[in-house]
Amino acid sequence: MSLIDFNKYEIVVGLEVHAQLLTKSKLFCG
């Protein structure tokens, strides 16, 4: 795995985690 591929993967994972946190906070806050 090259460094560029790792960076892309890290960005995708970061976005997914961020989206999950947003949806969870929306559910908790209503």
PDB file of N, CA and C in Angstrom:
ATOM      1  N   MET A   1       0.862  -1.205   0.000  1.00  0.00           N
ATOM      2  CA  MET A   1       0.000   0.000   0.000  1.00  0.00           C
ATOM      3  C   MET A   1       0.894   1.250   0.000  1.00  0.00           C
ATOM      4  N   SER A   2       0.629   2.138  -0.939  1.00  0.00           N
ATOM      5  CA  SER A   2       1.424   3.359  -1.017  1.00  0.00           C
ATOM      6  C   SER A   2       0.894   4.400  -0.039  1.00  0.00           C
ATOM      7  N   LEU A   3       1.675   5.431   0.172  1.00  0.00           N
ATOM      8  CA  LEU A   3       1.285   6.480   1.118  1.00  0.00           C
ATOM      9  C   LEU A   3       0.036   7.204   0.633  1.00  0.00           C
ATOM     10  N   ILE A   4      -0.070   7.381  -0.697  1.00  0.00           N
ATOM     11  CA  ILE A   4      -1.240   8.078  -1.254  1.00  0.00           C
ATOM     12  C   ILE A   4      -2.506   7.258  -0.999  1.00  0.00           C
ATOM     13  N   ASP A   5      -2.439   5.949  -1.217  1.00  0.00           N
ATOM     14  CA  ASP A   5      -3.607   5.100  -0.974  1.00  0.00           C
ATOM     15  C   ASP A   5      -4.008   5.172   0.492  1.00  0.00           C
ATOM     16  N   PHE A   6      -3.029   5.198   1.380  1.00  0.00           N
ATOM     17  CA  PHE A   6      -3.321   5.262   2.808  1.00  0.00           C
ATOM     18  C   PHE A   6      -4.011   6.572   3.145  1.00  0.00           C
ATOM     19  N   ASN A   7      -3.565   7.660   2.537  1.00  0.00           N
ATOM     20  CA  ASN A   7      -4.182   8.964   2.785  1.00  0.00           C
ATOM     21  C   ASN A   7      -5.627   8.957   2.325  1.00  0.00           C
ATOM     22  N   LYS A   8      -5.902   8.397   1.151  1.00  0.00           N
ATOM     23  CA  LYS A   8      -7.279   8.330   0.643  1.00  0.00           C
ATOM     24  C   LYS A   8      -8.141   7.526   1.611  1.00  0.00           C
ATOM     25  N   TYR A   9      -7.605   6.378   2.062  1.00  0.00           N
ATOM     26  CA  TYR A   9      -8.351   5.519   2.970  1.00  0.00           C
ATOM     27  C   TYR A   9      -8.638   6.251   4.276  1.00  0.00           C
ATOM     28  N   GLU A  10      -7.649   6.986   4.763  1.00  0.00           N
ATOM     29  CA  GLU A  10      -7.815   7.712   6.027  1.00  0.00           C
ATOM     30  C   GLU A  10      -8.887   8.785   5.886  1.00  0.00           C
ATOM     31  N   ILE A  11      -8.924   9.456   4.737  1.00  0.00           N
ATOM     32  CA  ILE A  11      -9.929  10.502   4.509  1.00  0.00           C
ATOM     33  C   ILE A  11     -11.322   9.885   4.474  1.00  0.00           C
ATOM     34  N   VAL A  12     -11.466   8.764   3.768  1.00  0.00           N
ATOM     35  CA  VAL A  12     -12.782   8.114   3.663  1.00  0.00           C
ATOM     36  C   VAL A  12     -13.255   7.668   5.039  1.00  0.00           C
ATOM     37  N   VAL A  13     -12.374   7.034   5.806  1.00  0.00           N
ATOM     38  CA  VAL A  13     -12.736   6.573   7.149  1.00  0.00           C
ATOM     39  C   VAL A  13     -13.093   7.760   8.033  1.00  0.00           C
ATOM     40  N   GLY A  14     -12.328   8.826   7.924  1.00  0.00           N
ATOM     41  CA  GLY A  14     -12.596  10.016   8.724  1.00  0.00           C
ATOM     42  C   GLY A  14     -13.965  10.593   8.411  1.00  0.00           C
ATOM     43  N   LEU A  15     -14.316  10.616   7.108  1.00  0.00           N
ATOM     44  CA  LEU A  15     -15.623  11.151   6.718  1.00  0.00           C
ATOM     45  C   LEU A  15     -16.740  10.263   7.247  1.00  0.00           C
ATOM     46  N   GLU A  16     -16.553   8.943   7.167  1.00  0.00           N
ATOM     47  CA  GLU A  16     -17.600   8.028   7.638  1.00  0.00           C
ATOM     48  C   GLU A  16     -17.791   8.172   9.145  1.00  0.00           C
ATOM     49  N   VAL A  17     -16.705   8.256   9.885  1.00  0.00           N
ATOM     50  CA  VAL A  17     -16.799   8.419  11.341  1.00  0.00           C
ATOM     51  C   VAL A  17     -17.474   9.741  11.666  1.00  0.00           C
ATOM     52  N   HIS A  18     -17.119  10.791  10.922  1.00  0.00           N
ATOM     53  CA  HIS A  18     -17.721  12.105  11.147  1.00  0.00           C
ATOM     54  C   HIS A  18     -19.220  12.048  10.879  1.00  0.00           C
ATOM     55  N   ALA A  19     -19.615  11.360   9.820  1.00  0.00           N
ATOM     56  CA  ALA A  19     -21.034  11.253   9.479  1.00  0.00           C
ATOM     57  C   ALA A  19     -21.774  10.482  10.568  1.00  0.00           C
ATOM     58  N   GLN A  20     -21.162   9.421  11.077  1.00  0.00           N
ATOM     59  CA  GLN A  20     -21.807   8.630  12.129  1.00  0.00           C
ATOM     60  C   GLN A  20     -21.977   9.470  13.391  1.00  0.00           C
ATOM     61  N   LEU A  21     -20.972  10.268  13.718  1.00  0.00           N
ATOM     62  CA  LEU A  21     -21.073  11.125  14.905  1.00  0.00           C
ATOM     63  C   LEU A  21     -22.177  12.152  14.718  1.00  0.00           C
ATOM     64  N   LEU A  22     -22.312  12.693  13.502  1.00  0.00           N
ATOM     65  CA  LEU A  22     -23.356  13.683  13.240  1.00  0.00           C
ATOM     66  C   LEU A  22     -24.734  13.053  13.400  1.00  0.00           C
ATOM     67  N   THR A  23     -24.928  11.861  12.823  1.00  0.00           N
ATOM     68  CA  THR A  23     -26.239  11.218  12.906  1.00  0.00           C
ATOM     69  C   THR A  23     -26.546  10.845  14.357  1.00  0.00           C
ATOM     70  N   LYS A  24     -25.546  10.393  15.096  1.00  0.00           N
ATOM     71  CA  LYS A  24     -25.772  10.033  16.502  1.00  0.00           C
ATOM     72  C   LYS A  24     -26.155  11.264  17.309  1.00  0.00           C
ATOM     73  N   SER A  25     -25.458  12.368  17.087  1.00  0.00           N
ATOM     74  CA  SER A  25     -25.763  13.586  17.843  1.00  0.00           C
ATOM     75  C   SER A  25     -27.157  14.077  17.487  1.00  0.00           C
ATOM     76  N   LYS A  26     -27.559  13.935  16.218  1.00  0.00           N
ATOM     77  CA  LYS A  26     -28.905  14.349  15.810  1.00  0.00           C
ATOM     78  C   LYS A  26     -29.948  13.489  16.514  1.00  0.00           C
ATOM     79  N   LEU A  27     -29.678  12.176  16.606  1.00  0.00           N
ATOM     80  CA  LEU A  27     -30.627  11.283  17.266  1.00  0.00           C
ATOM     81  C   LEU A  27     -30.746  11.642  18.747  1.00  0.00           C
ATOM     82  N   PHE A  28     -29.623  11.914  19.400  1.00  0.00           N
ATOM     83  CA  PHE A  28     -29.649  12.221  20.827  1.00  0.00           C
ATOM     84  C   PHE A  28     -30.295  13.574  21.093  1.00  0.00           C
ATOM     85  N   CYS A  29     -29.988  14.548  20.254  1.00  0.00           N
ATOM     86  CA  CYS A  29     -30.522  15.897  20.470  1.00  0.00           C
ATOM     87  C   CYS A  29     -31.941  16.036  19.935  1.00  0.00           C
ATOM     88  N   GLY A  30     -32.356  15.104  19.088  1.00  0.00           N
ATOM     89  CA  GLY A  30     -33.693  15.180  18.516  1.00  0.00           C
ATOM     90  C   GLY A  30     -33.735  16.163  17.372  1.00  0.00           C
TER      91      GLY A  30
END
